[in-house]
């Protein structure tokens, strides 16, 4: 059974939530600490990331260092717009966030965030992000043009990978369509297992890489819009 978490729903910061936050919280990322059942993080599209250390009895915003270009105060602690939040399972202090206003990384469990977007490159706007399971320096994103234009940049699909904690990004294109690609990948449609990645797109394509993203194979091109991709052990 489910019940509403009143302390989050009625958080003192609620008046600062924006957009649809009056009616729905827009929760998309839930991270549960495997070593502490009372420690969770949630990502809200209308407010930012919140942390609880007492099983949901109290919640605290963790958005210092993020930027919301659409707010009067872009550095406001509440009112940020994360699209997806993940962590490195081997080092959960390292968190990655694909945000409405760029890509951000934290090395202290979300207490502080640093903008690691590519100023002049494709690794900037998007929805999906994945973190390497054992290497906290490695992450992947699938970039798009913008919130208004949800298609691949220059109509050429790519996955961007960093291997140095976001200092630099590499656009990986081998096996992906370079022209007439009107795809974008939504927040839950990218997954990683070891060096194997898979992602699905809004036009029903699913791609697989078995070499960390260096090259890609098309698995299916006739699906409806793909909202979620996840590896499973059978």
Protein backbone atom coordinates (compact mmCIF):
# COMPACT_ATOMS: atom_id res chain seq x y z
CA UNK A 1 0.00 0.00 0.00
CA UNK A 2 1.03 3.61 -0.45
CA UNK A 3 0.45 6.75 1.53
CA UNK A 4 1.30 10.38 1.00
CA UNK A 5 4.50 11.56 2.66
CA UNK A 6 3.04 14.59 4.38
CA UNK A 7 6.36 16.09 5.57
CA UNK A 8 7.57 16.39 1.97
CA UNK A 9 4.22 17.35 0.48
CA UNK A 10 3.77 20.07 3.10
CA UNK A 11 7.43 21.03 3.33
CA UNK A 12 8.00 24.61 4.57
CA UNK A 13 9.62 25.38 1.20
CA UNK A 14 6.44 24.45 -0.71
CA UNK A 15 5.48 28.07 -1.55
CA UNK A 16 8.75 28.30 -3.52
CA UNK A 17 7.94 25.29 -5.71
CA UNK A 18 7.03 26.36 -9.23
CA UNK A 19 4.88 25.33 -12.16
CA UNK A 20 2.78 22.27 -11.50
CA UNK A 21 4.16 21.98 -8.00
CA UNK A 22 0.88 23.23 -6.59
CA UNK A 23 -0.82 20.06 -7.77
CA UNK A 24 1.92 17.47 -8.19
CA UNK A 25 5.49 17.25 -7.01
CA UNK A 26 7.04 15.95 -10.23
CA UNK A 27 9.14 13.35 -8.38
CA UNK A 28 11.30 11.33 -10.78
CA UNK A 29 14.46 10.28 -8.89
CA UNK A 30 14.40 8.29 -5.64
CA UNK A 31 17.74 7.14 -4.20
CA UNK A 32 17.64 4.80 -1.19
CA UNK A 33 20.81 4.35 0.86
CA UNK A 34 21.44 0.56 1.04
CA UNK A 35 23.35 1.05 4.30
CA UNK A 36 20.76 3.21 6.05
CA UNK A 37 17.04 2.59 5.57
CA UNK A 38 16.23 6.06 6.91
CA UNK A 39 18.42 7.91 4.38
CA UNK A 40 16.86 8.84 1.04
CA UNK A 41 17.13 11.44 -1.68
CA UNK A 42 14.35 12.51 -4.03
CA UNK A 43 14.49 14.71 -7.12
CA UNK A 44 11.56 17.03 -7.83
CA UNK A 45 11.22 18.80 -11.16
CA UNK A 46 9.47 21.70 -9.46
CA UNK A 47 11.85 22.30 -6.55
CA UNK A 48 15.19 20.46 -6.62
CA UNK A 49 16.74 17.62 -4.64
CA UNK A 50 15.68 16.89 -1.07
CA UNK A 51 17.29 14.62 1.53
CA UNK A 52 15.88 12.85 4.56
CA UNK A 53 17.92 11.08 7.25
CA UNK A 54 14.97 10.08 9.43
CA UNK A 55 12.88 7.94 7.11
CA UNK A 56 10.90 10.79 5.63
CA UNK A 57 9.90 12.58 8.83
CA UNK A 58 11.83 15.69 7.77
CA UNK A 59 13.25 16.84 4.44
CA UNK A 60 15.98 19.32 3.58
CA UNK A 61 16.82 20.89 0.18
CA UNK A 62 20.23 20.02 -1.23
CA UNK A 63 20.68 22.37 -4.17
CA UNK A 64 23.61 24.62 -3.34
CA UNK A 65 25.61 25.35 -6.49
CA UNK A 66 22.77 24.58 -8.91
CA UNK A 67 21.52 27.21 -11.32
CA UNK A 68 17.99 27.96 -12.50
CA UNK A 69 18.29 30.53 -15.27
CA UNK A 70 14.51 30.97 -15.32
CA UNK A 71 14.29 32.24 -11.70
CA UNK A 72 14.78 35.83 -10.51
CA UNK A 73 17.47 34.37 -8.24
CA UNK A 74 19.13 31.59 -10.29
CA UNK A 75 21.03 30.28 -7.24
CA UNK A 76 17.93 29.89 -5.06
CA UNK A 77 18.12 26.85 -2.79
CA UNK A 78 14.57 25.88 -3.78
CA UNK A 79 13.01 26.09 -7.23
CA UNK A 80 15.68 24.19 -9.14
CA UNK A 81 14.73 21.80 -11.94
CA UNK A 82 16.64 18.51 -11.93
CA UNK A 83 15.69 16.20 -14.77
CA UNK A 84 17.44 13.10 -13.36
CA UNK A 85 19.70 12.37 -10.38
CA UNK A 86 21.96 9.32 -10.02
CA UNK A 87 24.94 8.31 -7.92
CA UNK A 88 27.95 6.06 -8.32
CA UNK A 89 27.00 2.87 -6.45
CA UNK A 90 30.62 2.31 -5.38
CA UNK A 91 30.95 5.87 -4.02
CA UNK A 92 27.56 7.30 -3.17
CA UNK A 93 29.07 10.63 -2.18
CA UNK A 94 29.50 11.21 -5.92
CA UNK A 95 26.19 12.23 -7.47
CA UNK A 96 25.37 13.35 -10.99
CA UNK A 97 22.46 15.46 -12.12
CA UNK A 98 21.13 16.21 -15.57
CA UNK A 99 19.43 19.50 -14.89
CA UNK A 100 17.25 21.80 -16.96
CA UNK A 101 20.17 24.24 -16.97
CA UNK A 102 23.11 21.89 -17.49
CA UNK A 103 24.96 18.93 -15.99
CA UNK A 104 26.04 19.06 -12.34
CA UNK A 105 28.18 16.85 -10.10
CA UNK A 106 28.51 16.56 -6.33
CA UNK A 107 31.32 14.86 -4.43
CA UNK A 108 29.83 15.32 -0.96
CA UNK A 109 26.47 13.62 -1.13
CA UNK A 110 24.61 16.54 -2.65
CA UNK A 111 25.66 19.18 -0.12
CA UNK A 112 27.34 21.12 -2.94
CA UNK A 113 27.03 20.93 -6.71
CA UNK A 114 29.43 21.96 -9.47
CA UNK A 115 28.46 22.76 -13.05
CA UNK A 116 30.32 20.31 -15.31
CA UNK A 117 28.45 21.15 -18.53
CA UNK A 118 30.30 21.55 -21.79
CA UNK A 119 30.22 25.32 -22.53
CA UNK A 120 30.52 25.01 -26.30
CA UNK A 121 29.67 21.34 -26.80
CA UNK A 122 26.65 19.06 -26.81
CA UNK A 123 26.95 17.87 -23.19
CA UNK A 124 24.55 20.39 -21.70
CA UNK A 125 20.77 20.04 -22.01
CA UNK A 126 19.06 16.67 -21.78
CA UNK A 127 16.99 14.42 -19.54
CA UNK A 128 18.85 11.14 -19.01
CA UNK A 129 22.10 10.56 -17.14
CA UNK A 130 23.86 7.38 -16.00
CA UNK A 131 26.79 6.88 -13.64
CA UNK A 132 29.41 4.14 -13.86
CA UNK A 133 28.86 1.48 -11.22
CA UNK A 134 32.43 1.44 -9.88
CA UNK A 135 34.25 4.47 -11.32
CA UNK A 136 32.98 7.77 -9.85
CA UNK A 137 34.73 9.73 -12.60
CA UNK A 138 32.62 8.25 -15.41
CA UNK A 139 29.12 9.23 -16.50
CA UNK A 140 27.02 9.38 -19.67
CA UNK A 141 24.31 11.72 -20.97
CA UNK A 142 22.18 11.78 -24.12
CA UNK A 143 21.92 15.45 -25.09
CA UNK A 144 19.13 17.29 -26.86
CA UNK A 145 18.63 20.80 -28.21
CA UNK A 146 16.38 22.33 -25.55
CA UNK A 147 13.16 21.93 -23.60
CA UNK A 148 11.28 23.65 -26.41
CA UNK A 149 13.01 21.66 -29.19
CA UNK A 150 13.21 18.09 -27.94
CA UNK A 151 15.29 16.55 -30.71
CA UNK A 152 18.90 15.50 -31.19
CA UNK A 153 21.36 18.36 -31.71
CA UNK A 154 21.80 19.03 -35.45
CA UNK A 155 19.49 16.02 -35.93
CA UNK A 156 22.50 13.81 -35.18
CA UNK A 157 22.20 11.44 -32.24
CA UNK A 158 25.11 11.10 -29.82
CA UNK A 159 25.92 9.97 -26.30
CA UNK A 160 28.40 12.07 -24.33
CA UNK A 161 30.79 10.44 -21.87
CA UNK A 162 33.12 11.90 -19.29
CA UNK A 163 35.96 9.91 -17.77
CA UNK A 164 37.40 12.68 -15.60
CA UNK A 165 34.53 13.78 -13.40
CA UNK A 166 33.05 16.17 -15.94
CA UNK A 167 36.18 18.15 -16.78
CA UNK A 168 35.91 17.00 -20.40
CA UNK A 169 33.26 15.24 -22.47
CA UNK A 170 33.51 13.06 -25.56
CA UNK A 171 30.66 12.81 -28.08
CA UNK A 172 30.21 9.14 -29.06
CA UNK A 173 28.49 8.67 -32.42
CA UNK A 174 29.62 5.37 -33.96
CA UNK A 175 26.54 3.38 -34.95
CA UNK A 176 24.09 6.21 -34.19
CA UNK A 177 22.19 8.10 -36.93
CA UNK A 178 23.99 11.26 -38.05
CA UNK A 179 21.23 13.10 -39.84
CA UNK A 180 17.42 13.08 -39.83
CA UNK A 181 17.43 11.98 -36.18
CA UNK A 182 14.50 13.55 -34.39
CA UNK A 183 15.01 11.55 -31.21
CA UNK A 184 15.50 12.52 -27.63
CA UNK A 185 15.96 10.23 -24.64
CA UNK A 186 13.79 10.74 -21.58
CA UNK A 187 15.06 10.53 -18.02
CA UNK A 188 14.48 6.83 -17.30
CA UNK A 189 15.37 5.55 -20.77
CA UNK A 190 19.15 5.17 -20.25
CA UNK A 191 20.70 2.39 -18.18
CA UNK A 192 24.16 0.98 -17.55
CA UNK A 193 25.43 -2.39 -16.36
CA UNK A 194 29.21 -2.59 -16.23
CA UNK A 195 30.45 -1.43 -19.62
CA UNK A 196 27.12 -2.21 -21.28
CA UNK A 197 24.68 0.61 -21.90
CA UNK A 198 21.26 0.80 -23.49
CA UNK A 199 18.95 3.67 -24.25
CA UNK A 200 15.60 4.21 -25.91
CA UNK A 201 14.22 7.24 -27.69
CA UNK A 202 11.00 9.12 -28.26
CA UNK A 203 10.78 7.74 -31.81
CA UNK A 204 10.88 4.12 -30.66
CA UNK A 205 14.54 3.29 -31.26
CA UNK A 206 16.59 1.23 -28.80
CA UNK A 207 20.40 1.17 -28.95
CA UNK A 208 22.93 -1.04 -27.16
CA UNK A 209 26.65 -0.55 -26.51
CA UNK A 210 28.91 -3.21 -25.04
CA UNK A 211 32.06 -1.08 -24.94
CA UNK A 212 31.13 1.79 -22.66
CA UNK A 213 29.50 3.81 -25.43
CA UNK A 214 32.33 3.73 -27.98
CA UNK A 215 30.05 2.03 -30.52
CA UNK A 216 26.32 1.34 -30.74
CA UNK A 217 24.00 -1.21 -32.33
CA UNK A 218 20.34 -0.64 -33.13
CA UNK A 219 18.23 -3.27 -31.36
CA UNK A 220 14.78 -2.12 -32.44
CA UNK A 221 13.35 0.74 -34.48
CA UNK A 222 9.62 0.04 -34.46
CA UNK A 223 8.59 0.53 -30.84
CA UNK A 224 6.30 3.24 -29.51
CA UNK A 225 7.89 6.06 -27.54
CA UNK A 226 10.35 4.53 -25.06
CA UNK A 227 9.93 5.92 -21.55
CA UNK A 228 12.12 3.51 -19.59
CA UNK A 229 15.04 1.13 -20.16
CA UNK A 230 16.45 -1.08 -17.42
CA UNK A 231 18.77 -4.08 -17.31
CA UNK A 232 17.46 -7.13 -15.46
CA UNK A 233 18.96 -10.43 -14.36
CA UNK A 234 16.92 -13.47 -15.33
